[in-house]
Every structure is written in C-alpha cells, then in structure tokens.
C-alpha cells in the first residue's frame, strides 16, 4: 500500500476538491407549451419533442 512521502497541505487538498461540487440542472423551454423541460427529452406537460407529438 502506498504511503505519502510528504504532508499534503489543507490548501492543496482543497484545490484538488474544488471540482467536486455538484452542478446545477440545465433546463430548456418547450417550443409548444413553454414549460421548462430537460434538454433532449420530450416535454412532460404536453408530450412534444422538436415540434412533434411523441408521447400520449
């Protein structure tokens, strides 16, 4: 098992972890009804995707 030869400082540890934060969810607007939807997914409100009805 590997053992560190040098002590890792708090700033070095925190700089490494700076990219571990969760990102916010990106939303697009439905072209048919205008509600917020996930990109590349059919609208849950009206069922349209790219101007076509895809769900019942």
PDB file of N, CA and C in Angstrom:
ATOM      1  N   UNK A   1       0.838  -1.179   0.000  1.00  0.00           N
ATOM      2  CA  UNK A   1       0.000   0.000   0.000  1.00  0.00           C
ATOM      3  C   UNK A   1       0.881   1.240   0.000  1.00  0.00           C
ATOM      4  N   UNK A   2       0.510   2.210  -0.832  1.00  0.00           N
ATOM      5  CA  UNK A   2       1.309   3.418  -0.936  1.00  0.00           C
ATOM      6  C   UNK A   2       1.139   4.323   0.264  1.00  0.00           C
ATOM      7  N   UNK A   3       2.251   4.923   0.694  1.00  0.00           N
ATOM      8  CA  UNK A   3       2.229   5.851   1.819  1.00  0.00           C
ATOM      9  C   UNK A   3       2.795   7.177   1.328  1.00  0.00           C
ATOM     10  N   UNK A   4       2.122   8.319   1.609  1.00  0.00           N
ATOM     11  CA  UNK A   4       2.635   9.602   1.144  1.00  0.00           C
ATOM     12  C   UNK A   4       3.976   9.937   1.780  1.00  0.00           C
ATOM     13  N   UNK A   5       4.908  10.427   0.955  1.00  0.00           N
ATOM     14  CA  UNK A   5       6.216  10.811   1.489  1.00  0.00           C
ATOM     15  C   UNK A   5       6.174  12.202   2.097  1.00  0.00           C
ATOM     16  N   UNK A   6       5.307  13.078   1.585  1.00  0.00           N
ATOM     17  CA  UNK A   6       5.225  14.451   2.074  1.00  0.00           C
ATOM     18  C   UNK A   6       3.813  14.722   2.593  1.00  0.00           C
ATOM     19  N   UNK A   7       3.711  15.650   3.551  1.00  0.00           N
ATOM     20  CA  UNK A   7       2.417  16.043   4.114  1.00  0.00           C
ATOM     21  C   UNK A   7       1.659  16.886   3.097  1.00  0.00           C
ATOM     22  N   UNK A   8       0.398  16.536   2.827  1.00  0.00           N
ATOM     23  CA  UNK A   8      -0.442  17.301   1.911  1.00  0.00           C
ATOM     24  C   UNK A   8      -1.110  18.429   2.686  1.00  0.00           C
ATOM     25  N   UNK A   9      -0.921  19.670   2.237  1.00  0.00           N
ATOM     26  CA  UNK A   9      -1.468  20.815   2.966  1.00  0.00           C
ATOM     27  C   UNK A   9      -2.975  20.920   2.748  1.00  0.00           C
ATOM     28  N   UNK A  10      -3.626  21.676   3.619  1.00  0.00           N
ATOM     29  CA  UNK A  10      -5.071  21.878   3.501  1.00  0.00           C
ATOM     30  C   UNK A  10      -5.420  22.581   2.194  1.00  0.00           C
ATOM     31  N   UNK A  11      -4.587  23.561   1.798  1.00  0.00           N
ATOM     32  CA  UNK A  11      -4.884  24.292   0.565  1.00  0.00           C
ATOM     33  C   UNK A  11      -4.733  23.392  -0.655  1.00  0.00           C
ATOM     34  N   UNK A  12      -3.733  22.537  -0.666  1.00  0.00           N
ATOM     35  CA  UNK A  12      -3.559  21.616  -1.781  1.00  0.00           C
ATOM     36  C   UNK A  12      -4.696  20.616  -1.865  1.00  0.00           C
ATOM     37  N   UNK A  13      -5.131  20.129  -0.729  1.00  0.00           N
ATOM     38  CA  UNK A  13      -6.259  19.200  -0.676  1.00  0.00           C
ATOM     39  C   UNK A  13      -7.534  19.879  -1.176  1.00  0.00           C
ATOM     40  N   UNK A  14      -7.775  21.111  -0.723  1.00  0.00           N
ATOM     41  CA  UNK A  14      -8.993  21.817  -1.101  1.00  0.00           C
ATOM     42  C   UNK A  14      -8.974  22.239  -2.571  1.00  0.00           C
ATOM     43  N   UNK A  15      -7.791  22.565  -3.110  1.00  0.00           N
ATOM     44  CA  UNK A  15      -7.703  22.897  -4.531  1.00  0.00           C
ATOM     45  C   UNK A  15      -8.037  21.679  -5.386  1.00  0.00           C
ATOM     46  N   UNK A  16      -7.634  20.506  -4.949  1.00  0.00           N
ATOM     47  CA  UNK A  16      -7.957  19.290  -5.674  1.00  0.00           C
ATOM     48  C   UNK A  16      -9.460  19.030  -5.644  1.00  0.00           C
ATOM     49  N   UNK A  17     -10.098  19.328  -4.521  1.00  0.00           N
ATOM     50  CA  UNK A  17     -11.528  19.073  -4.366  1.00  0.00           C
ATOM     51  C   UNK A  17     -12.406  20.184  -4.920  1.00  0.00           C
ATOM     52  N   UNK A  18     -11.833  21.223  -5.502  1.00  0.00           N
ATOM     53  CA  UNK A  18     -12.624  22.354  -5.971  1.00  0.00           C
ATOM     54  C   UNK A  18     -13.563  21.966  -7.105  1.00  0.00           C
ATOM     55  N   UNK A  19     -13.290  20.894  -7.824  1.00  0.00           N
ATOM     56  CA  UNK A  19     -14.125  20.462  -8.943  1.00  0.00           C
ATOM     57  C   UNK A  19     -15.149  19.421  -8.521  1.00  0.00           C
ATOM     58  N   UNK A  20     -15.254  19.103  -7.246  1.00  0.00           N
ATOM     59  CA  UNK A  20     -16.155  18.048  -6.791  1.00  0.00           C
ATOM     60  C   UNK A  20     -17.560  18.552  -6.501  1.00  0.00           C
ATOM     61  N   UNK A  21     -17.800  19.850  -6.623  1.00  0.00           N
ATOM     62  CA  UNK A  21     -19.118  20.408  -6.304  1.00  0.00           C
ATOM     63  C   UNK A  21     -20.136  19.965  -7.346  1.00  0.00           C
ATOM     64  N   UNK A  22     -21.400  19.836  -6.939  1.00  0.00           N
ATOM     65  CA  UNK A  22     -22.465  19.450  -7.848  1.00  0.00           C
ATOM     66  C   UNK A  22     -22.850  20.628  -8.730  1.00  0.00           C
ATOM     67  N   UNK A  23     -23.144  20.334  -9.986  1.00  0.00           N
ATOM     68  CA  UNK A  23     -23.560  21.361 -10.933  1.00  0.00           C
ATOM     69  C   UNK A  23     -25.086  21.488 -10.903  1.00  0.00           C
ATOM     70  N   UNK A  24     -25.561  22.656 -11.268  1.00  0.00           N
ATOM     71  CA  UNK A  24     -26.998  22.871 -11.352  1.00  0.00           C
ATOM     72  C   UNK A  24     -27.585  22.204 -12.586  1.00  0.00           C
ATOM     73  N   UNK A  25     -28.879  21.929 -12.547  1.00  0.00           N
ATOM     74  CA  UNK A  25     -29.559  21.282 -13.654  1.00  0.00           C
ATOM     75  C   UNK A  25     -29.863  22.328 -14.724  1.00  0.00           C
ATOM     76  N   UNK A  26     -29.513  22.028 -15.977  1.00  0.00           N
ATOM     77  CA  UNK A  26     -29.817  22.942 -17.072  1.00  0.00           C
ATOM     78  C   UNK A  26     -31.195  22.606 -17.617  1.00  0.00           C
ATOM     79  N   UNK A  27     -32.011  23.644 -17.865  1.00  0.00           N
ATOM     80  CA  UNK A  27     -33.366  23.455 -18.350  1.00  0.00           C
ATOM     81  C   UNK A  27     -33.551  24.204 -19.668  1.00  0.00           C
ATOM     82  N   UNK A  28     -34.368  23.639 -20.535  1.00  0.00           N
ATOM     83  CA  UNK A  28     -34.742  24.276 -21.795  1.00  0.00           C
ATOM     84  C   UNK A  28     -36.244  24.538 -21.749  1.00  0.00           C
ATOM     85  N   UNK A  29     -36.727  25.431 -22.607  1.00  0.00           N
ATOM     86  CA  UNK A  29     -38.163  25.699 -22.665  1.00  0.00           C
ATOM     87  C   UNK A  29     -38.775  24.903 -23.805  1.00  0.00           C
ATOM     88  N   UNK A  30     -39.961  24.401 -23.575  1.00  0.00           N
ATOM     89  CA  UNK A  30     -40.689  23.638 -24.581  1.00  0.00           C
ATOM     90  C   UNK A  30     -41.157  24.607 -25.669  1.00  0.00           C
ATOM     91  N   UNK A  31     -40.951  24.225 -26.938  1.00  0.00           N
ATOM     92  CA  UNK A  31     -41.348  25.101 -28.038  1.00  0.00           C
ATOM     93  C   UNK A  31     -42.858  25.114 -28.230  1.00  0.00           C
ATOM     94  N   UNK A  32     -43.560  24.098 -27.707  1.00  0.00           N
ATOM     95  CA  UNK A  32     -45.005  24.019 -27.887  1.00  0.00           C
ATOM     96  C   UNK A  32     -45.762  24.735 -26.767  1.00  0.00           C
ATOM     97  N   UNK A  33     -45.464  24.394 -25.504  1.00  0.00           N
ATOM     98  CA  UNK A  33     -46.243  24.961 -24.394  1.00  0.00           C
ATOM     99  C   UNK A  33     -45.446  25.958 -23.553  1.00  0.00           C
ATOM    100  N   UNK A  34     -44.114  25.998 -23.699  1.00  0.00           N
ATOM    101  CA  UNK A  34     -43.304  26.974 -22.976  1.00  0.00           C
ATOM    102  C   UNK A  34     -42.887  26.567 -21.579  1.00  0.00           C
ATOM    103  N   UNK A  35     -43.203  25.347 -21.148  1.00  0.00           N
ATOM    104  CA  UNK A  35     -42.790  24.921 -19.807  1.00  0.00           C
ATOM    105  C   UNK A  35     -41.322  24.490 -19.811  1.00  0.00           C
ATOM    106  N   UNK A  36     -40.716  24.463 -18.641  1.00  0.00           N
ATOM    107  CA  UNK A  36     -39.305  24.084 -18.509  1.00  0.00           C
ATOM    108  C   UNK A  36     -39.175  22.569 -18.601  1.00  0.00           C
ATOM    109  N   UNK A  37     -38.258  22.105 -19.451  1.00  0.00           N
ATOM    110  CA  UNK A  37     -38.013  20.675 -19.630  1.00  0.00           C
ATOM    111  C   UNK A  37     -36.516  20.419 -19.662  1.00  0.00           C
ATOM    112  N   UNK A  38     -36.145  19.173 -19.490  1.00  0.00           N
ATOM    113  CA  UNK A  38     -34.747  18.783 -19.625  1.00  0.00           C
ATOM    114  C   UNK A  38     -34.385  18.803 -21.112  1.00  0.00           C
ATOM    115  N   UNK A  39     -33.154  19.203 -21.471  1.00  0.00           N
ATOM    116  CA  UNK A  39     -32.758  19.197 -22.875  1.00  0.00           C
ATOM    117  C   UNK A  39     -32.739  17.773 -23.444  1.00  0.00           C
ATOM    118  N   UNK A  40     -33.087  17.628 -24.701  1.00  0.00           N
ATOM    119  CA  UNK A  40     -33.084  16.342 -25.418  1.00  0.00           C
ATOM    120  C   UNK A  40     -34.083  15.356 -24.844  1.00  0.00           C
ATOM    121  N   UNK A  41     -35.134  15.841 -24.192  1.00  0.00           N
ATOM    122  CA  UNK A  41     -36.177  14.983 -23.630  1.00  0.00           C
ATOM    123  C   UNK A  41     -37.531  15.539 -24.048  1.00  0.00           C
ATOM    124  N   UNK A  42     -38.535  14.660 -24.242  1.00  0.00           N
ATOM    125  CA  UNK A  42     -39.863  15.180 -24.560  1.00  0.00           C
ATOM    126  C   UNK A  42     -40.451  15.909 -23.356  1.00  0.00           C
ATOM    127  N   UNK A  43     -41.346  16.848 -23.649  1.00  0.00           N
ATOM    128  CA  UNK A  43     -41.973  17.650 -22.595  1.00  0.00           C
ATOM    129  C   UNK A  43     -42.907  16.771 -21.779  1.00  0.00           C
ATOM    130  N   UNK A  44     -42.825  16.838 -20.461  1.00  0.00           N
ATOM    131  CA  UNK A  44     -43.703  16.061 -19.591  1.00  0.00           C
ATOM    132  C   UNK A  44     -45.095  16.653 -19.534  1.00  0.00           C
ATOM    133  N   UNK A  45     -45.220  17.936 -19.873  1.00  0.00           N
ATOM    134  CA  UNK A  45     -46.510  18.609 -19.796  1.00  0.00           C
ATOM    135  C   UNK A  45     -47.380  18.301 -21.018  1.00  0.00           C
ATOM    136  N   UNK A  46     -46.811  18.451 -22.230  1.00  0.00           N
ATOM    137  CA  UNK A  46     -47.618  18.290 -23.446  1.00  0.00           C
ATOM    138  C   UNK A  46     -47.209  17.090 -24.296  1.00  0.00           C
ATOM    139  N   UNK A  47     -46.007  16.520 -24.093  1.00  0.00           N
ATOM    140  CA  UNK A  47     -45.585  15.342 -24.843  1.00  0.00           C
ATOM    141  C   UNK A  47     -44.927  15.634 -26.180  1.00  0.00           C
ATOM    142  N   UNK A  48     -44.594  16.879 -26.461  1.00  0.00           N
ATOM    143  CA  UNK A  48     -43.967  17.247 -27.733  1.00  0.00           C
ATOM    144  C   UNK A  48     -42.448  17.240 -27.611  1.00  0.00           C
ATOM    145  N   UNK A  49     -41.781  16.903 -28.724  1.00  0.00           N
ATOM    146  CA  UNK A  49     -40.323  16.977 -28.808  1.00  0.00           C
ATOM    147  C   UNK A  49     -39.962  17.420 -30.215  1.00  0.00           C
ATOM    148  N   UNK A  50     -39.257  18.533 -30.330  1.00  0.00           N
ATOM    149  CA  UNK A  50     -38.867  19.113 -31.626  1.00  0.00           C
ATOM    150  C   UNK A  50     -40.073  19.327 -32.534  1.00  0.00           C
ATOM    151  N   UNK A  51     -41.177  19.814 -31.963  1.00  0.00           N
ATOM    152  CA  UNK A  51     -42.361  20.148 -32.752  1.00  0.00           C
ATOM    153  C   UNK A  51     -43.246  18.991 -33.133  1.00  0.00           C
ATOM    154  N   UNK A  52     -42.966  17.779 -32.638  1.00  0.00           N
ATOM    155  CA  UNK A  52     -43.786  16.614 -32.964  1.00  0.00           C
ATOM    156  C   UNK A  52     -44.308  15.966 -31.682  1.00  0.00           C
ATOM    157  N   UNK A  53     -45.515  15.438 -31.738  1.00  0.00           N
ATOM    158  CA  UNK A  53     -46.113  14.721 -30.606  1.00  0.00           C
ATOM    159  C   UNK A  53     -45.483  13.337 -30.527  1.00  0.00           C
ATOM    160  N   UNK A  54     -44.787  13.032 -29.418  1.00  0.00           N
ATOM    161  CA  UNK A  54     -44.086  11.752 -29.315  1.00  0.00           C
ATOM    162  C   UNK A  54     -44.642  10.862 -28.196  1.00  0.00           C
ATOM    163  N   UNK A  55     -45.382  11.438 -27.255  1.00  0.00           N
ATOM    164  CA  UNK A  55     -45.977  10.632 -26.175  1.00  0.00           C
ATOM    165  C   UNK A  55     -47.464  10.909 -26.117  1.00  0.00           C
ATOM    166  N   UNK A  56     -48.179   9.993 -25.514  1.00  0.00           N
ATOM    167  CA  UNK A  56     -49.632  10.152 -25.399  1.00  0.00           C
ATOM    168  C   UNK A  56     -50.005  11.006 -24.212  1.00  0.00           C
TER     169      UNK A  56
END
